[in-house]
Amino acid sequence: MPKIVSPQVEFSELLRQVKQVTPEIFDQEGQFLNLLEGRWQEPGKPQAFTSPIDGSVIGYLPMLDRATASRAVKGAHHEAVDWGRVDLDERKQRVQDCLDQLRTHVELIGKLLMWEIGKTYKLGFTDIDRCIDGVQWYVDNIEEMLGRREPLGVVSNIASWNYPMSVLMHAVLVQVLCGNAAVAKTPTDGGFISLSVAFAIARRCGLPVTLVSGSGGELSEVLVKDQAIECLSFVGGRYNGRNIADALSSVHKRYMLEMEGVNTYGIWNFSDWDSLGDQLKKGYDYGKQRCTAYVRFVVERHLFPQFLETYWSAISSLKVGNPTLVDNPTDKLPDLAFGPVINRRQAEDLDRLYADALKTGATPIYEGKLDDSLFLPGQDRSAYRAPRALVNLPRQSELYFKEPFGPIDSIVLVDRVEELVGEMNISNGALVAAIASDDQKWAQRTAKEVRAFKVGINKLRSRGDREEVFGGLGESWKGAFVGGKLLVEAVTQGAPTELVLGNYEDSLLLPEKI
């Protein structure tokens, strides 16, 4: 018997719940609205949104033009003046109220994330849970971190689609907790329905939040350069990040620009292959569509046979398929390694990068296959790709210097420590890296030569949350660092002469402990 979509996550039922929980986010025709000037309005120019799960249209993005986005920023500016005068205890209470209400809708939001951005059941819930738990930590600790600091005003947020709750919504709630008004652009590649639900709840709690949809080309001029914007938080690719950095070079705004780099894992004088196998499987969470995914393995040449055996065993055990399918209506949802990548375009770009690597001389060592039993018969699979891996990736390959943002790994073999370090620093800065070695003292010493903000020793390093700081070196990050007290400092103003830690064009101001 073929599988069926689980009644637990059937999209029409989820949409019915959304309309029941947050009816204000729809107009009378059932179209989604934007949130600006304190109310849900402006359906904009509806743009069909296709789910990566099965290629079905699940909603229409309410795309705005530049003039309407300018109105939204102006409205946020008016709100920021009044909100900045609200007592911290009341701000805490309103954010706490928002968190309490979000907790009652975790199930709905987690399941929406499956359809919107292709997360598995487990990862959808992890995203919303990390958002709520992380902001709760700030509510509980804000007095000591904030002290006598003052809010900046309006903070603009442009973030990628992969973590709409634990990155974007989390940042917005901390920003308003600190006394700012927050404007966020919905990622056009996914997350607008779940974000609309969360922002509707925040708005009901009296929080000064604004949510707008639109193309980057149309809205970035306003959301980056408008005089009312005092701070910009950006998460995305290097190309857009560099353009934004150039746009900010002539104005004095606080900014945090998180961009990708090639996160590398170096392996030298190593023997704990079982541990590495577990890390390899964990590293495939969400199909490596994470800014902290490890996509390049730099391996001491004589260790390659053991590495290859470990890699093949770990990756061949991963299940990739439609995360909504079950055999029977009452079955639990499947425990998959990952589902689709974000959309057909991204999947095709992965194919292009892979083909280019082969054409320029790379050698394929693993090409996974999709299992028909993990899909509906005849369903659209255009966004699904199994893991692939290459060795001997030549420098003329585009993939050599680029993060694929999907399930393609590359392995580089080296003979000297100097080569290992050089290959690990190939992208001029990264968010995370790791070194595996039986000699921990050597690994810790060598880690200091790696241009990554965080370097794990015999383990993966992640972004972290709560008190853990986060940033990047080189071209992977520009502006103020975030996380813990640093996130509060990034969106508030202290003494006029205060230095905000970060990676700037003319200086690198690192925290004492990372």
Protein backbone atom coordinates (compact mmCIF):
# COMPACT_ATOMS: atom_id res chain seq x y z
CA MET A 1 0.00 0.00 0.00
CA PRO A 2 1.32 3.52 -0.80
CA LYS A 3 1.98 5.96 1.99
CA ILE A 4 -0.44 8.79 2.88
CA VAL A 5 -0.03 12.31 4.19
CA SER A 6 -0.51 12.07 7.95
CA PRO A 7 -3.80 13.60 9.15
CA GLN A 8 -1.69 15.23 11.90
CA VAL A 9 -0.02 17.53 9.38
CA GLU A 10 -2.49 17.73 6.48
CA PHE A 11 -2.08 21.31 5.26
CA SER A 12 -5.73 22.26 4.78
CA GLU A 13 -6.34 21.41 8.44
CA LEU A 14 -3.31 23.46 9.52
CA LEU A 15 -4.58 26.42 7.49
CA ARG A 16 -7.99 26.08 9.11
CA GLN A 17 -6.30 26.29 12.52
CA VAL A 18 -4.33 29.36 11.44
CA LYS A 19 -7.55 31.13 10.45
CA GLN A 20 -9.10 30.19 13.77
CA VAL A 21 -6.09 31.25 15.89
CA THR A 22 -5.11 34.43 14.03
CA PRO A 23 -8.00 35.54 11.76
CA GLU A 24 -6.59 39.08 11.61
CA ILE A 25 -3.77 38.07 9.26
CA PHE A 26 -6.27 37.48 6.40
CA ASP A 27 -8.46 39.83 4.38
CA GLN A 28 -12.10 39.04 3.54
CA GLU A 29 -11.01 37.04 0.48
CA GLY A 30 -8.68 34.89 2.58
CA GLN A 31 -5.49 36.53 1.28
CA PHE A 32 -2.57 37.07 3.66
CA LEU A 33 -1.91 40.62 4.87
CA ASN A 34 1.11 42.60 6.03
CA LEU A 35 1.48 44.04 9.52
CA LEU A 36 2.26 47.76 9.46
CA GLU A 37 1.22 50.89 11.34
CA GLY A 38 0.01 48.69 14.16
CA ARG A 39 -2.55 46.67 12.19
CA TRP A 40 -2.89 43.94 9.57
CA GLN A 41 -3.52 45.51 6.17
CA GLU A 42 -2.22 45.70 2.59
CA PRO A 43 -2.49 42.39 0.69
CA GLY A 44 0.00 43.85 -1.79
CA LYS A 45 0.51 41.93 -5.02
CA PRO A 46 -0.12 38.27 -4.13
CA GLN A 47 2.68 35.95 -5.26
CA ALA A 48 2.08 32.20 -5.24
CA PHE A 49 4.18 30.27 -2.74
CA THR A 50 5.02 26.65 -3.52
CA SER A 51 5.80 24.12 -0.78
CA PRO A 52 9.08 22.25 -1.24
CA ILE A 53 7.36 19.15 0.18
CA ASP A 54 5.30 18.33 -2.92
CA GLY A 55 5.28 21.39 -5.19
CA SER A 56 1.75 22.44 -4.15
CA VAL A 57 0.73 26.08 -3.78
CA ILE A 58 0.00 26.65 -0.08
CA GLY A 59 -0.47 30.42 0.01
CA TYR A 60 0.22 33.77 -1.57
CA LEU A 61 2.90 36.14 -0.30
CA PRO A 62 1.48 39.67 0.10
CA MET A 63 4.29 41.44 -1.80
CA LEU A 64 4.59 45.19 -1.14
CA ASP A 65 6.13 47.99 -3.15
CA ARG A 66 8.77 50.41 -1.89
CA ALA A 67 6.33 53.20 -1.03
CA THR A 68 4.23 50.98 1.24
CA ALA A 69 7.35 49.61 2.92
CA SER A 70 8.40 53.21 3.56
CA ARG A 71 5.06 53.77 5.30
CA ALA A 72 5.74 50.71 7.44
CA VAL A 73 9.13 52.06 8.55
CA LYS A 74 7.65 55.47 9.30
CA GLY A 75 4.95 53.84 11.42
CA ALA A 76 7.57 51.84 13.32
CA HIS A 77 9.53 55.03 13.95
CA HIS A 78 6.48 56.65 15.59
CA GLU A 79 5.98 53.55 17.75
CA ALA A 80 9.64 53.45 18.76
CA VAL A 81 9.41 56.86 20.41
CA ASP A 82 6.58 55.79 22.72
CA TRP A 83 7.87 52.27 23.30
CA GLY A 84 11.28 53.52 24.37
CA ARG A 85 9.59 55.27 27.30
CA VAL A 86 7.79 52.14 28.52
CA ASP A 87 9.14 50.83 31.81
CA LEU A 88 11.34 47.70 31.57
CA ASP A 89 9.05 45.75 33.92
CA GLU A 90 6.12 46.31 31.58
CA ARG A 91 8.20 45.40 28.52
CA LYS A 92 9.22 42.19 30.27
CA GLN A 93 5.59 41.41 31.11
CA ARG A 94 4.43 41.92 27.53
CA VAL A 95 7.21 39.78 26.08
CA GLN A 96 6.49 37.14 28.72
CA ASP A 97 2.82 37.21 27.73
CA CYS A 98 3.86 36.70 24.10
CA LEU A 99 6.05 33.71 25.01
CA ASP A 100 3.25 32.15 27.06
CA GLN A 101 0.84 32.46 24.14
CA LEU A 102 3.40 31.15 21.64
CA ARG A 103 3.85 28.06 23.82
CA THR A 104 0.19 27.16 23.30
CA HIS A 105 0.71 27.16 19.52
CA VAL A 106 4.06 25.35 19.28
CA GLU A 107 2.39 22.35 17.63
CA LEU A 108 0.79 24.46 14.91
CA ILE A 109 3.91 26.52 14.16
CA GLY A 110 6.20 23.49 14.10
CA LYS A 111 3.95 21.72 11.58
CA LEU A 112 3.62 24.83 9.40
CA LEU A 113 7.41 24.93 9.14
CA MET A 114 7.34 21.45 7.61
CA TRP A 115 5.24 22.65 4.67
CA GLU A 116 6.79 26.09 4.34
CA ILE A 117 10.49 25.27 4.44
CA GLY A 118 10.65 21.48 4.30
CA LYS A 119 11.72 20.80 7.88
CA THR A 120 11.19 17.41 9.43
CA TYR A 121 8.71 17.12 12.29
CA LYS A 122 11.55 17.13 14.84
CA LEU A 123 13.41 20.12 13.36
CA GLY A 124 10.25 22.22 13.03
CA PHE A 125 9.65 21.94 16.74
CA THR A 126 13.30 22.53 17.55
CA ASP A 127 13.13 25.88 15.74
CA ILE A 128 10.13 27.25 17.67
CA ASP A 129 11.26 25.74 20.99
CA ARG A 130 14.72 27.34 20.71
CA CYS A 131 13.06 30.67 19.98
CA ILE A 132 10.84 30.55 23.05
CA ASP A 133 13.46 29.13 25.41
CA GLY A 134 16.10 31.57 24.18
CA VAL A 135 13.93 34.67 24.61
CA GLN A 136 12.81 33.38 28.02
CA TRP A 137 16.47 33.44 29.09
CA TYR A 138 16.72 37.09 28.05
CA VAL A 139 13.52 37.99 29.92
CA ASP A 140 14.92 36.34 33.04
CA ASN A 141 18.33 38.05 32.77
CA ILE A 142 17.67 41.36 31.02
CA GLU A 143 18.15 43.72 34.00
CA GLU A 144 21.81 42.88 34.52
CA MET A 145 22.60 42.93 30.80
CA LEU A 146 20.71 46.13 30.03
CA GLY A 147 21.71 48.23 33.03
CA ARG A 148 21.32 51.89 32.08
CA ARG A 149 21.63 51.33 28.35
CA GLU A 150 19.10 53.01 26.04
CA PRO A 151 17.29 51.58 22.99
CA LEU A 152 18.47 52.59 19.52
CA GLY A 153 15.02 53.10 17.98
CA VAL A 154 13.91 51.08 14.94
CA VAL A 155 15.77 47.83 14.22
CA SER A 156 15.34 46.36 10.73
CA ASN A 157 15.57 42.59 10.22
CA ILE A 158 16.31 40.84 6.93
CA ALA A 159 16.90 37.13 7.44
CA SER A 160 17.12 33.95 5.39
CA TRP A 161 14.35 31.38 5.38
CA ASN A 162 16.05 28.50 7.20
CA TYR A 163 15.39 29.51 10.82
CA PRO A 164 12.39 31.89 10.90
CA MET A 165 11.75 31.31 14.61
CA SER A 166 15.06 30.60 16.38
CA VAL A 167 16.89 33.34 14.44
CA LEU A 168 14.43 35.96 13.12
CA MET A 169 11.59 35.85 15.67
CA HIS A 170 14.08 35.40 18.51
CA ALA A 171 16.02 38.51 17.44
CA VAL A 172 12.82 40.59 17.09
CA LEU A 173 11.57 39.72 20.58
CA VAL A 174 14.93 40.53 22.19
CA GLN A 175 15.05 43.82 20.29
CA VAL A 176 11.65 44.93 21.59
CA LEU A 177 12.50 43.69 25.08
CA CYS A 178 15.42 46.14 24.96
CA GLY A 179 13.05 48.99 24.10
CA ASN A 180 13.28 49.10 20.31
CA ALA A 181 10.59 48.83 17.65
CA ALA A 182 11.29 45.98 15.21
CA VAL A 183 10.60 45.74 11.49
CA ALA A 184 11.06 42.36 9.78
CA LYS A 185 10.92 41.31 6.15
CA THR A 186 9.41 37.88 5.59
CA PRO A 187 11.84 35.64 3.69
CA THR A 188 10.42 35.17 0.19
CA ASP A 189 11.62 31.56 0.11
CA GLY A 190 9.56 30.45 3.09
CA GLY A 191 8.26 31.04 6.60
CA PHE A 192 5.68 33.77 6.02
CA ILE A 193 2.69 31.86 7.40
CA SER A 194 4.35 30.76 10.65
CA LEU A 195 5.89 34.22 11.07
CA SER A 196 2.49 35.86 10.52
CA VAL A 197 1.01 33.72 13.30
CA ALA A 198 3.88 34.58 15.67
CA PHE A 199 3.80 38.31 14.85
CA ALA A 200 0.02 38.41 15.30
CA ILE A 201 0.46 37.02 18.80
CA ALA A 202 3.23 39.53 19.54
CA ARG A 203 1.05 42.39 18.30
CA ARG A 204 -1.85 41.31 20.51
CA CYS A 205 0.54 41.53 23.45
CA GLY A 206 1.21 45.19 22.64
CA LEU A 207 4.67 44.71 21.17
CA PRO A 208 5.80 47.22 18.49
CA VAL A 209 6.52 44.75 15.70
CA THR A 210 6.06 45.18 11.94
CA LEU A 211 6.10 42.40 9.33
CA VAL A 212 6.29 43.11 5.59
CA SER A 213 6.67 40.97 2.48
CA GLY A 214 8.33 41.96 -0.75
CA SER A 215 11.29 41.34 -3.01
CA GLY A 216 14.73 42.28 -1.76
CA GLY A 217 15.29 44.52 -4.75
CA GLU A 218 12.11 46.43 -4.01
CA LEU A 219 12.35 46.74 -0.23
CA SER A 220 16.06 46.72 0.64
CA GLU A 221 16.49 50.41 -0.18
CA VAL A 222 13.95 51.23 2.54
CA LEU A 223 14.81 48.52 5.07
CA VAL A 224 18.54 49.27 4.87
CA LYS A 225 18.96 52.95 4.09
CA ASP A 226 15.89 54.72 5.45
CA GLN A 227 16.87 57.44 7.94
CA ALA A 228 14.43 56.03 10.52
CA ILE A 229 16.35 52.72 10.64
CA GLU A 230 18.91 52.87 13.45
CA CYS A 231 20.14 49.29 13.25
CA LEU A 232 20.13 46.49 10.69
CA SER A 233 20.24 42.76 11.43
CA PHE A 234 20.93 40.71 8.29
CA VAL A 235 21.32 36.95 7.78
CA GLY A 236 22.02 35.77 4.25
CA GLY A 237 24.55 35.18 1.50
CA ARG A 238 27.79 37.02 0.90
CA TYR A 239 26.68 38.65 -2.34
CA ASN A 240 23.70 40.43 -0.76
CA GLY A 241 25.65 41.00 2.45
CA ARG A 242 28.46 42.77 0.64
CA ASN A 243 25.98 44.99 -1.20
CA ILE A 244 24.38 45.92 2.10
CA ALA A 245 27.79 46.55 3.70
CA ASP A 246 28.62 48.90 0.82
CA ALA A 247 25.29 50.70 1.26
CA LEU A 248 25.98 51.17 4.98
CA SER A 249 29.51 52.47 4.49
CA SER A 250 28.30 56.04 3.96
CA VAL A 251 25.87 56.18 6.88
CA HIS A 252 26.26 55.73 10.61
CA LYS A 253 24.05 52.81 11.62
CA ARG A 254 24.58 49.87 13.92
CA TYR A 255 24.59 46.63 11.95
CA MET A 256 25.03 42.87 12.25
CA LEU A 257 25.57 41.09 8.93
CA GLU A 258 25.80 37.31 9.18
CA MET A 259 27.02 35.77 5.92
CA GLU A 260 28.10 32.31 4.90
CA GLY A 261 31.59 30.95 4.62
CA VAL A 262 33.01 27.50 3.88
CA ASN A 263 32.89 25.85 7.32
CA THR A 264 35.62 23.21 7.40
CA TYR A 265 36.45 20.11 9.44
CA GLY A 266 40.14 19.24 9.61
CA ILE A 267 41.25 15.67 10.41
CA TRP A 268 44.88 14.91 11.37
CA ASN A 269 46.52 12.14 13.40
CA PHE A 270 43.09 10.77 14.30
CA SER A 271 41.59 7.37 15.19
CA ASP A 272 38.17 7.80 16.88
CA TRP A 273 36.16 6.97 13.76
CA ASP A 274 32.96 5.92 15.55
CA SER A 275 32.69 9.39 17.08
CA LEU A 276 33.32 11.01 13.71
CA GLY A 277 30.61 8.85 12.12
CA ASP A 278 28.06 10.13 14.63
CA GLN A 279 29.15 13.72 13.92
CA LEU A 280 28.86 13.19 10.16
CA LYS A 281 25.25 12.04 10.53
CA LYS A 282 24.38 14.90 12.87
CA GLY A 283 26.01 17.35 10.48
CA TYR A 284 23.38 16.50 7.87
CA ASP A 285 20.54 18.07 9.88
CA TYR A 286 18.21 19.95 7.52
CA GLY A 287 20.22 18.83 4.50
CA LYS A 288 23.12 21.15 5.45
CA GLN A 289 20.91 24.21 4.86
CA ARG A 290 22.45 25.94 7.87
CA CYS A 291 24.97 28.73 8.17
CA THR A 292 27.00 26.48 10.52
CA ALA A 293 26.93 23.35 8.33
CA TYR A 294 30.29 21.65 7.72
CA VAL A 295 30.68 21.16 3.98
CA ARG A 296 34.47 20.76 3.53
CA PHE A 297 36.57 18.00 5.11
CA VAL A 298 40.33 18.48 5.04
CA VAL A 299 41.87 15.06 5.67
CA GLU A 300 45.44 13.88 6.22
CA ARG A 301 46.10 11.78 3.13
CA HIS A 302 47.04 8.47 4.78
CA LEU A 303 43.79 8.64 6.83
CA PHE A 304 41.61 8.80 3.72
CA PRO A 305 40.78 5.04 3.59
CA GLN A 306 39.46 5.09 7.17
CA PHE A 307 37.68 8.41 6.57
CA LEU A 308 36.04 7.09 3.41
CA GLU A 309 34.84 3.92 5.12
CA THR A 310 33.40 5.97 8.01
CA TYR A 311 31.84 8.53 5.68
CA TRP A 312 30.21 5.92 3.45
CA SER A 313 28.77 4.01 6.41
CA ALA A 314 27.38 7.16 8.06
CA ILE A 315 25.91 8.88 5.02
CA SER A 316 24.45 5.75 3.40
CA SER A 317 22.37 5.24 6.58
CA LEU A 318 20.58 8.59 6.16
CA LYS A 319 16.94 8.54 5.06
CA VAL A 320 15.79 11.35 2.77
CA GLY A 321 12.13 11.70 1.86
CA ASN A 322 8.77 13.39 2.31
CA PRO A 323 8.53 14.18 6.05
CA THR A 324 4.70 14.23 6.10
CA LEU A 325 4.10 10.63 5.03
CA VAL A 326 2.99 7.61 7.09
CA ASP A 327 1.70 4.10 6.35
CA ASN A 328 -1.41 4.43 8.53
CA PRO A 329 -3.35 7.47 9.84
CA THR A 330 -2.34 6.84 13.46
CA ASP A 331 1.38 6.25 12.80
CA LYS A 332 4.08 8.55 14.10
CA LEU A 333 5.68 10.86 11.56
CA PRO A 334 8.87 9.42 9.99
CA ASP A 335 12.30 9.92 11.54
CA LEU A 336 14.15 11.22 8.48
CA ALA A 337 17.60 12.78 8.26
CA PHE A 338 16.10 15.53 6.12
CA GLY A 339 13.45 16.26 3.52
CA PRO A 340 13.62 18.61 0.53
CA VAL A 341 15.95 21.52 0.03
CA ILE A 342 14.17 24.86 0.05
CA ASN A 343 12.92 24.80 -3.56
CA ARG A 344 13.46 23.53 -7.09
CA ARG A 345 15.80 26.45 -7.94
CA GLN A 346 18.16 25.58 -5.11
CA ALA A 347 18.13 21.91 -6.05
CA GLU A 348 18.98 22.78 -9.64
CA ASP A 349 21.77 25.08 -8.51
CA LEU A 350 23.23 22.21 -6.46
CA ASP A 351 23.16 20.09 -9.61
CA ARG A 352 24.93 22.85 -11.51
CA LEU A 353 27.67 23.18 -8.88
CA TYR A 354 28.17 19.42 -8.80
CA ALA A 355 28.33 19.12 -12.59
CA ASP A 356 30.81 22.00 -12.77
CA ALA A 357 33.01 20.31 -10.17
CA LEU A 358 33.06 17.07 -12.18
CA LYS A 359 33.74 18.95 -15.41
CA THR A 360 36.75 20.69 -13.85
CA GLY A 361 38.28 17.44 -12.57
CA ALA A 362 36.73 16.52 -9.18
CA THR A 363 36.19 12.82 -8.42
CA PRO A 364 32.80 11.67 -7.08
CA ILE A 365 33.04 9.29 -4.12
CA TYR A 366 29.39 9.15 -3.05
CA GLU A 367 26.13 9.67 -4.94
CA GLY A 368 23.07 8.86 -2.88
CA LYS A 369 19.76 7.75 -4.36
CA LEU A 370 16.24 8.68 -3.29
CA ASP A 371 14.14 5.79 -1.93
CA ASP A 372 10.81 5.56 -3.80
CA SER A 373 9.12 4.15 -0.69
CA LEU A 374 9.62 7.46 1.14
CA PHE A 375 7.49 9.42 -1.36
CA LEU A 376 3.95 9.43 -2.69
CA PRO A 377 3.63 7.80 -6.11
CA GLY A 378 4.05 10.47 -8.77
CA GLN A 379 4.58 13.33 -6.32
CA ASP A 380 6.72 16.33 -7.26
CA ARG A 381 10.28 15.56 -6.11
CA SER A 382 11.95 18.54 -7.79
CA ALA A 383 13.27 19.94 -4.48
CA TYR A 384 14.69 16.64 -3.16
CA ARG A 385 18.36 15.72 -3.46
CA ALA A 386 20.25 12.84 -1.85
CA PRO A 387 23.72 13.43 -0.36
CA ARG A 388 26.68 13.64 -2.73
CA ALA A 389 30.42 13.95 -2.07
CA LEU A 390 33.52 14.80 -4.09
CA VAL A 391 37.25 14.49 -3.58
CA ASN A 392 40.11 16.34 -5.30
CA LEU A 393 37.98 19.42 -5.91
CA PRO A 394 40.10 21.69 -8.16
CA ARG A 395 40.53 25.37 -7.44
CA GLN A 396 38.96 26.35 -10.75
CA SER A 397 35.70 24.76 -9.58
CA GLU A 398 33.10 27.26 -8.35
CA LEU A 399 32.33 24.95 -5.43
CA TYR A 400 35.90 25.18 -4.17
CA PHE A 401 35.33 28.66 -2.73
CA LYS A 402 31.58 28.46 -2.15
CA GLU A 403 29.23 27.05 0.45
CA PRO A 404 26.70 24.90 -1.46
CA PHE A 405 23.94 25.33 1.16
CA GLY A 406 22.73 21.83 0.52
CA PRO A 407 23.75 18.16 0.69
CA ILE A 408 27.07 18.24 -1.16
CA ASP A 409 30.33 17.54 0.69
CA SER A 410 33.84 18.02 -0.63
CA ILE A 411 36.99 16.34 0.69
CA VAL A 412 40.48 17.76 0.29
CA LEU A 413 43.53 15.58 1.00
CA VAL A 414 46.66 17.14 2.50
CA ASP A 415 50.17 16.01 3.46
CA ARG A 416 51.36 18.83 5.74
CA VAL A 417 49.87 20.78 8.62
CA GLU A 418 50.47 24.01 6.70
CA GLU A 419 48.29 22.64 3.88
CA LEU A 420 45.58 21.66 6.37
CA VAL A 421 45.44 25.17 7.82
CA GLY A 422 45.55 26.78 4.38
CA GLU A 423 42.66 24.66 3.08
CA MET A 424 40.62 25.29 6.23
CA ASN A 425 40.99 29.04 5.66
CA ILE A 426 39.97 28.90 2.00
CA SER A 427 36.95 31.22 2.27
CA ASN A 428 38.68 34.08 4.12
CA GLY A 429 36.73 33.65 7.31
CA ALA A 430 34.04 31.33 8.60
CA LEU A 431 31.47 31.12 11.37
CA VAL A 432 32.58 27.72 12.69
CA ALA A 433 35.24 25.07 12.11
CA ALA A 434 36.43 21.89 13.81
CA ILE A 435 39.66 19.92 14.17
CA ALA A 436 39.75 16.21 14.96
CA SER A 437 42.98 14.75 16.36
CA ASP A 438 44.14 12.31 19.00
CA ASP A 439 46.59 15.02 20.09
CA GLN A 440 44.31 17.56 21.74
CA LYS A 441 47.12 19.96 22.62
CA TRP A 442 48.18 20.06 18.97
CA ALA A 443 44.55 20.55 17.91
CA GLN A 444 44.02 23.45 20.32
CA ARG A 445 47.23 25.11 19.17
CA THR A 446 46.37 24.65 15.48
CA ALA A 447 42.81 25.92 16.05
CA LYS A 448 44.27 29.36 16.76
CA GLU A 449 45.45 29.49 13.14
CA VAL A 450 42.00 28.77 11.73
CA ARG A 451 40.00 31.87 10.72
CA ALA A 452 36.69 30.82 12.22
CA PHE A 453 34.82 32.47 15.09
CA LYS A 454 34.35 29.14 16.87
CA VAL A 455 36.52 26.05 16.48
CA GLY A 456 35.47 22.70 17.94
CA ILE A 457 38.06 20.16 19.08
CA ASN A 458 36.89 16.64 18.18
CA LYS A 459 33.32 17.92 17.99
CA LEU A 460 31.04 20.14 15.93
CA ARG A 461 30.56 23.75 16.98
CA SER A 462 27.16 25.37 16.55
CA ARG A 463 25.79 28.88 16.64
CA GLY A 464 24.82 28.47 20.29
CA ASP A 465 22.12 30.37 22.16
CA ARG A 466 21.38 32.16 25.44
CA GLU A 467 24.66 33.42 26.92
CA GLU A 468 26.85 32.02 24.14
CA VAL A 469 28.25 34.72 21.85
CA PHE A 470 28.20 34.36 18.08
CA GLY A 471 29.86 36.04 15.14
CA GLY A 472 32.29 35.42 12.33
CA LEU A 473 35.74 36.33 11.06
CA GLY A 474 36.86 37.66 7.70
CA GLU A 475 34.10 37.92 5.11
CA SER A 476 31.64 35.70 7.03
CA TRP A 477 30.46 38.49 9.34
CA LYS A 478 30.38 42.28 9.41
CA GLY A 479 29.41 44.50 12.31
CA ALA A 480 28.50 43.82 15.92
CA PHE A 481 28.67 40.31 17.38
CA VAL A 482 25.55 38.88 19.03
CA GLY A 483 24.54 36.32 21.63
CA GLY A 484 24.07 36.81 25.36
CA LYS A 485 25.08 40.23 26.61
CA LEU A 486 26.54 41.09 23.21
CA LEU A 487 23.12 40.91 21.53
CA VAL A 488 21.73 43.37 24.08
CA GLU A 489 24.71 45.68 23.54
CA ALA A 490 24.31 45.43 19.75
CA VAL A 491 20.77 46.86 19.84
CA THR A 492 21.22 49.45 22.61
CA GLN A 493 23.37 52.48 23.30
CA GLY A 494 25.75 52.78 26.25
CA ALA A 495 28.27 55.52 26.92
CA PRO A 496 29.11 57.67 23.85
CA THR A 497 32.69 56.39 23.83
CA GLU A 498 31.73 52.72 24.22
CA LEU A 499 33.15 50.20 21.77
CA VAL A 500 30.67 47.57 20.59
CA LEU A 501 32.51 44.29 19.97
CA GLY A 502 32.41 43.11 16.37
CA ASN A 503 34.14 42.65 13.03
CA TYR A 504 34.42 46.00 11.27
CA GLU A 505 36.15 47.28 8.14
CA ASP A 506 38.88 48.99 10.14
CA SER A 507 39.03 46.86 13.30
CA LEU A 508 38.30 43.48 14.89
CA LEU A 509 37.08 43.69 18.49
CA LEU A 510 36.85 40.17 19.89
CA PRO A 511 35.29 39.10 23.22
CA GLU A 512 37.72 37.57 25.71
CA LYS A 513 35.98 34.21 25.59
CA ILE A 514 34.24 32.60 22.63
